[in-house]
Amino acid sequence: MEINFKNIGNEYAEQVIDLILNIQQKEFNIPISIDDQPDLQQIENFYLKNGGNFWGAFLNGELIGTIALVKFSGSQGAIRKMFVKKEFRGKELNIAQKLLEILISYCCANGIKEIFLGTVSVLEAAQRFYERNGFAKIDKEKLPATFPLMNADTIFYALNLNDTP
């Protein structure tokens, strides 16, 4: 089973929306719609234009995972849209880990020194994943003023890349 990772743009918007909304709404019962996430219909304008990026994990042409980076200041970025289809999660395939490593490499190569993210309390496995990867839980008040807040998010994390080996 060969999984390919690549940068993706607007041509994948439909697959991205299908993957993410299914996980948010059906699996986790998060009351969020496409109208709450207009960025998914404008991947290039929202993520790529300001120096961020959007990556997908593909198996036989099917999108099975995503991660995105919003660059919101010269040296700061926010992780968004980290989702992996349920049947492809876990340590065997390590898709989430590989997606995160791709994003961190991109940050290091592009002068992004701090990464922040927001999540919701129901996504406990995601919180454990970020903590295992060196992210520290922070109070909402400690987020940079320009951090792009999502209404649904209640838990926040930060990673300083200057502190990583």
C-alpha atoms as a PDB file:
ATOM      1  CA  MET A   1       0.000   0.000   0.000  1.00  0.00           C
ATOM      2  CA  GLU A   2       1.778   3.110  -1.230  1.00  0.00           C
ATOM      3  CA  ILE A   3       0.624   6.434   0.114  1.00  0.00           C
ATOM      4  CA  ASN A   4       1.607   9.570  -1.773  1.00  0.00           C
ATOM      5  CA  PHE A   5       1.871  12.989  -0.169  1.00  0.00           C
ATOM      6  CA  LYS A   6       1.632  16.146  -2.234  1.00  0.00           C
ATOM      7  CA  ASN A   7       0.783  19.840  -2.202  1.00  0.00           C
ATOM      8  CA  ILE A   8      -2.790  20.416  -3.245  1.00  0.00           C
ATOM      9  CA  GLY A   9      -4.761  23.381  -4.531  1.00  0.00           C
ATOM     10  CA  ASN A  10      -8.265  24.325  -5.602  1.00  0.00           C
ATOM     11  CA  GLU A  11      -8.590  21.376  -7.992  1.00  0.00           C
ATOM     12  CA  TYR A  12      -8.934  19.135  -4.914  1.00  0.00           C
ATOM     13  CA  ALA A  13     -11.487  21.307  -3.077  1.00  0.00           C
ATOM     14  CA  GLU A  14     -14.370  18.878  -3.622  1.00  0.00           C
ATOM     15  CA  GLN A  15     -12.423  15.888  -2.272  1.00  0.00           C
ATOM     16  CA  VAL A  16     -11.119  17.973   0.657  1.00  0.00           C
ATOM     17  CA  ILE A  17     -14.629  19.145   1.573  1.00  0.00           C
ATOM     18  CA  ASP A  18     -16.015  15.606   1.324  1.00  0.00           C
ATOM     19  CA  LEU A  19     -13.275  14.151   3.557  1.00  0.00           C
ATOM     20  CA  ILE A  20     -13.342  16.882   6.203  1.00  0.00           C
ATOM     21  CA  LEU A  21     -17.106  17.384   6.509  1.00  0.00           C
ATOM     22  CA  ASN A  22     -17.680  13.634   6.833  1.00  0.00           C
ATOM     23  CA  ILE A  23     -15.221  13.429   9.722  1.00  0.00           C
ATOM     24  CA  GLN A  24     -16.453  16.592  11.439  1.00  0.00           C
ATOM     25  CA  GLN A  25     -20.182  15.978  11.103  1.00  0.00           C
ATOM     26  CA  LYS A  26     -20.672  12.214  10.952  1.00  0.00           C
ATOM     27  CA  GLU A  27     -17.827  10.904  13.082  1.00  0.00           C
ATOM     28  CA  PHE A  28     -17.522  13.614  15.733  1.00  0.00           C
ATOM     29  CA  ASN A  29     -20.956  15.300  15.532  1.00  0.00           C
ATOM     30  CA  ILE A  30     -19.361  18.736  15.383  1.00  0.00           C
ATOM     31  CA  PRO A  31     -22.058  21.216  14.293  1.00  0.00           C
ATOM     32  CA  ILE A  32     -20.037  22.789  11.476  1.00  0.00           C
ATOM     33  CA  SER A  33     -20.900  23.228   7.807  1.00  0.00           C
ATOM     34  CA  ILE A  34     -19.099  24.232   4.634  1.00  0.00           C
ATOM     35  CA  ASP A  35     -20.450  27.761   5.198  1.00  0.00           C
ATOM     36  CA  ASP A  36     -18.395  27.901   8.409  1.00  0.00           C
ATOM     37  CA  GLN A  37     -15.255  26.940   6.447  1.00  0.00           C
ATOM     38  CA  PRO A  38     -15.118  29.046   3.270  1.00  0.00           C
ATOM     39  CA  ASP A  39     -11.344  28.426   3.155  1.00  0.00           C
ATOM     40  CA  LEU A  40     -12.024  24.913   1.849  1.00  0.00           C
ATOM     41  CA  GLN A  41     -13.489  26.339  -1.347  1.00  0.00           C
ATOM     42  CA  GLN A  42     -10.540  28.711  -1.838  1.00  0.00           C
ATOM     43  CA  ILE A  43      -7.489  26.670  -0.868  1.00  0.00           C
ATOM     44  CA  GLU A  44      -5.023  28.655  -2.976  1.00  0.00           C
ATOM     45  CA  ASN A  45      -6.293  32.084  -1.972  1.00  0.00           C
ATOM     46  CA  PHE A  46      -6.613  31.260   1.720  1.00  0.00           C
ATOM     47  CA  TYR A  47      -3.570  29.042   2.345  1.00  0.00           C
ATOM     48  CA  LEU A  48      -1.015  29.425  -0.446  1.00  0.00           C
ATOM     49  CA  LYS A  49      -1.223  33.150  -1.214  1.00  0.00           C
ATOM     50  CA  ASN A  50       0.378  34.326   2.035  1.00  0.00           C
ATOM     51  CA  GLY A  51       3.089  31.671   2.214  1.00  0.00           C
ATOM     52  CA  GLY A  52       1.203  28.773   3.769  1.00  0.00           C
ATOM     53  CA  ASN A  53       0.438  25.462   2.117  1.00  0.00           C
ATOM     54  CA  PHE A  54      -2.059  22.592   1.939  1.00  0.00           C
ATOM     55  CA  TRP A  55      -1.039  18.939   1.676  1.00  0.00           C
ATOM     56  CA  GLY A  56      -2.923  15.760   0.969  1.00  0.00           C
ATOM     57  CA  ALA A  57      -2.224  12.068   1.522  1.00  0.00           C
ATOM     58  CA  PHE A  58      -3.456   9.878  -1.336  1.00  0.00           C
ATOM     59  CA  LEU A  59      -3.949   6.150  -1.717  1.00  0.00           C
ATOM     60  CA  ASN A  60      -4.680   5.008  -5.280  1.00  0.00           C
ATOM     61  CA  GLY A  61      -5.786   8.527  -6.159  1.00  0.00           C
ATOM     62  CA  GLU A  62      -8.183   8.803  -3.195  1.00  0.00           C
ATOM     63  CA  LEU A  63      -7.627  11.638  -0.718  1.00  0.00           C
ATOM     64  CA  ILE A  64      -7.319  10.018   2.731  1.00  0.00           C
ATOM     65  CA  GLY A  65      -5.681  12.771   4.789  1.00  0.00           C
ATOM     66  CA  THR A  66      -5.037  16.515   4.888  1.00  0.00           C
ATOM     67  CA  ILE A  67      -3.076  19.147   6.759  1.00  0.00           C
ATOM     68  CA  ALA A  68      -2.788  22.852   6.059  1.00  0.00           C
ATOM     69  CA  LEU A  69      -0.691  25.770   7.206  1.00  0.00           C
ATOM     70  CA  VAL A  70      -1.902  29.351   7.434  1.00  0.00           C
ATOM     71  CA  LYS A  71       1.021  31.761   7.639  1.00  0.00           C
ATOM     72  CA  PHE A  72      -0.322  34.656   9.682  1.00  0.00           C
ATOM     73  CA  SER A  73       2.845  36.645  10.407  1.00  0.00           C
ATOM     74  CA  GLY A  74       6.430  36.660   9.192  1.00  0.00           C
ATOM     75  CA  SER A  75       7.529  33.797  11.421  1.00  0.00           C
ATOM     76  CA  GLN A  76       4.251  32.300  12.688  1.00  0.00           C
ATOM     77  CA  GLY A  77       1.840  29.785  11.254  1.00  0.00           C
ATOM     78  CA  ALA A  78      -1.294  27.941  12.260  1.00  0.00           C
ATOM     79  CA  ILE A  79      -2.084  24.296  11.578  1.00  0.00           C
ATOM     80  CA  ARG A  80      -5.507  23.780  10.096  1.00  0.00           C
ATOM     81  CA  LYS A  81      -7.492  20.945   8.581  1.00  0.00           C
ATOM     82  CA  MET A  82      -5.534  18.021  10.030  1.00  0.00           C
ATOM     83  CA  PHE A  83      -7.805  15.100   9.184  1.00  0.00           C
ATOM     84  CA  VAL A  84      -7.204  11.446   8.340  1.00  0.00           C
ATOM     85  CA  LYS A  85      -9.961   9.045   7.293  1.00  0.00           C
ATOM     86  CA  LYS A  86     -10.823   6.757  10.198  1.00  0.00           C
ATOM     87  CA  GLU A  87      -9.763   3.507   8.522  1.00  0.00           C
ATOM     88  CA  PHE A  88      -6.301   4.951   7.776  1.00  0.00           C
ATOM     89  CA  ARG A  89      -5.483   6.291  11.254  1.00  0.00           C
ATOM     90  CA  GLY A  90      -2.981   4.785  13.620  1.00  0.00           C
ATOM     91  CA  LYS A  91       0.659   3.908  13.948  1.00  0.00           C
ATOM     92  CA  GLU A  92       0.744   1.257  11.199  1.00  0.00           C
ATOM     93  CA  LEU A  93       0.456   3.794   8.382  1.00  0.00           C
ATOM     94  CA  ASN A  94       1.522   6.859  10.391  1.00  0.00           C
ATOM     95  CA  ILE A  95      -0.233   9.210   7.961  1.00  0.00           C
ATOM     96  CA  ALA A  96      -0.897  11.977  10.493  1.00  0.00           C
ATOM     97  CA  GLN A  97       2.733  11.829  11.647  1.00  0.00           C
ATOM     98  CA  LYS A  98       4.023  12.086   8.074  1.00  0.00           C
ATOM     99  CA  LEU A  99       1.684  14.978   7.291  1.00  0.00           C
ATOM    100  CA  LEU A 100       2.849  16.840  10.404  1.00  0.00           C
ATOM    101  CA  GLU A 101       6.508  16.192   9.537  1.00  0.00           C
ATOM    102  CA  ILE A 102       5.955  17.574   6.019  1.00  0.00           C
ATOM    103  CA  LEU A 103       4.375  20.711   7.495  1.00  0.00           C
ATOM    104  CA  ILE A 104       7.181  21.177  10.059  1.00  0.00           C
ATOM    105  CA  SER A 105       9.863  20.723   7.359  1.00  0.00           C
ATOM    106  CA  TYR A 106       8.092  23.324   5.253  1.00  0.00           C
ATOM    107  CA  CYS A 107       8.026  25.716   8.235  1.00  0.00           C
ATOM    108  CA  CYS A 108      11.741  25.233   8.899  1.00  0.00           C
ATOM    109  CA  ALA A 109      12.578  25.810   5.225  1.00  0.00           C
ATOM    110  CA  ASN A 110      10.401  28.933   5.062  1.00  0.00           C
ATOM    111  CA  GLY A 111      11.387  30.794   8.233  1.00  0.00           C
ATOM    112  CA  ILE A 112       8.319  29.907  10.286  1.00  0.00           C
ATOM    113  CA  LYS A 113       9.543  29.570  13.874  1.00  0.00           C
ATOM    114  CA  GLU A 114       6.292  29.137  15.811  1.00  0.00           C
ATOM    115  CA  ILE A 115       3.295  26.960  14.997  1.00  0.00           C
ATOM    116  CA  PHE A 116      -0.056  27.309  16.744  1.00  0.00           C
ATOM    117  CA  LEU A 117      -3.298  25.389  16.462  1.00  0.00           C
ATOM    118  CA  GLY A 118      -6.771  25.217  17.874  1.00  0.00           C
ATOM    119  CA  THR A 119      -8.890  22.126  18.345  1.00  0.00           C
ATOM    120  CA  VAL A 120     -12.045  21.008  20.131  1.00  0.00           C
ATOM    121  CA  SER A 121     -12.293  19.045  23.370  1.00  0.00           C
ATOM    122  CA  VAL A 122     -13.974  16.040  21.713  1.00  0.00           C
ATOM    123  CA  LEU A 123     -10.843  15.375  19.612  1.00  0.00           C
ATOM    124  CA  GLU A 124      -8.888  13.765  22.444  1.00  0.00           C
ATOM    125  CA  ALA A 125      -6.724  11.561  20.233  1.00  0.00           C
ATOM    126  CA  ALA A 126      -5.668  14.646  18.285  1.00  0.00           C
ATOM    127  CA  GLN A 127      -4.668  16.387  21.512  1.00  0.00           C
ATOM    128  CA  ARG A 128      -2.545  13.399  22.563  1.00  0.00           C
ATOM    129  CA  PHE A 129      -0.973  13.339  19.101  1.00  0.00           C
ATOM    130  CA  TYR A 130       0.055  17.008  19.293  1.00  0.00           C
ATOM    131  CA  GLU A 131       1.392  16.592  22.830  1.00  0.00           C
ATOM    132  CA  ARG A 132       3.477  13.567  21.747  1.00  0.00           C
ATOM    133  CA  ASN A 133       4.915  15.798  19.018  1.00  0.00           C
ATOM    134  CA  GLY A 134       6.106  18.471  21.441  1.00  0.00           C
ATOM    135  CA  PHE A 135       3.191  20.903  21.282  1.00  0.00           C
ATOM    136  CA  ALA A 136       2.384  22.635  24.571  1.00  0.00           C
ATOM    137  CA  LYS A 137      -1.165  23.474  25.598  1.00  0.00           C
ATOM    138  CA  ILE A 138      -1.600  27.238  25.969  1.00  0.00           C
ATOM    139  CA  ASP A 139      -4.384  29.542  27.121  1.00  0.00           C
ATOM    140  CA  LYS A 140      -6.377  31.295  24.433  1.00  0.00           C
ATOM    141  CA  GLU A 141      -5.093  34.617  25.821  1.00  0.00           C
ATOM    142  CA  LYS A 142      -1.507  33.575  25.003  1.00  0.00           C
ATOM    143  CA  LEU A 143      -2.228  33.235  21.277  1.00  0.00           C
ATOM    144  CA  PRO A 144      -0.698  35.913  19.041  1.00  0.00           C
ATOM    145  CA  ALA A 145      -3.146  38.729  18.303  1.00  0.00           C
ATOM    146  CA  THR A 146      -3.127  37.846  14.600  1.00  0.00           C
ATOM    147  CA  PHE A 147      -3.848  34.110  15.105  1.00  0.00           C
ATOM    148  CA  PRO A 148      -6.772  33.155  12.829  1.00  0.00           C
ATOM    149  CA  LEU A 149      -9.304  31.927  15.382  1.00  0.00           C
ATOM    150  CA  MET A 150     -11.979  29.393  14.453  1.00  0.00           C
ATOM    151  CA  ASN A 151     -15.241  29.685  16.388  1.00  0.00           C
ATOM    152  CA  ALA A 152     -15.389  25.969  17.171  1.00  0.00           C
ATOM    153  CA  ASP A 153     -11.922  25.791  18.763  1.00  0.00           C
ATOM    154  CA  THR A 154     -11.651  25.664  22.545  1.00  0.00           C
ATOM    155  CA  ILE A 155      -8.189  24.157  23.142  1.00  0.00           C
ATOM    156  CA  PHE A 156      -4.968  25.674  21.851  1.00  0.00           C
ATOM    157  CA  TYR A 157      -1.395  24.486  21.349  1.00  0.00           C
ATOM    158  CA  ALA A 158       1.941  26.007  20.399  1.00  0.00           C
ATOM    159  CA  LEU A 159       5.244  24.615  19.163  1.00  0.00           C
ATOM    160  CA  ASN A 160       8.410  26.699  19.038  1.00  0.00           C
ATOM    161  CA  LEU A 161      10.595  25.290  16.275  1.00  0.00           C
ATOM    162  CA  ASN A 162      13.687  26.946  17.779  1.00  0.00           C
ATOM    163  CA  ASP A 163      13.326  24.431  20.621  1.00  0.00           C
ATOM    164  CA  THR A 164      13.161  21.324  18.449  1.00  0.00           C
ATOM    165  CA  PRO A 165      16.292  19.350  17.553  1.00  0.00           C
END
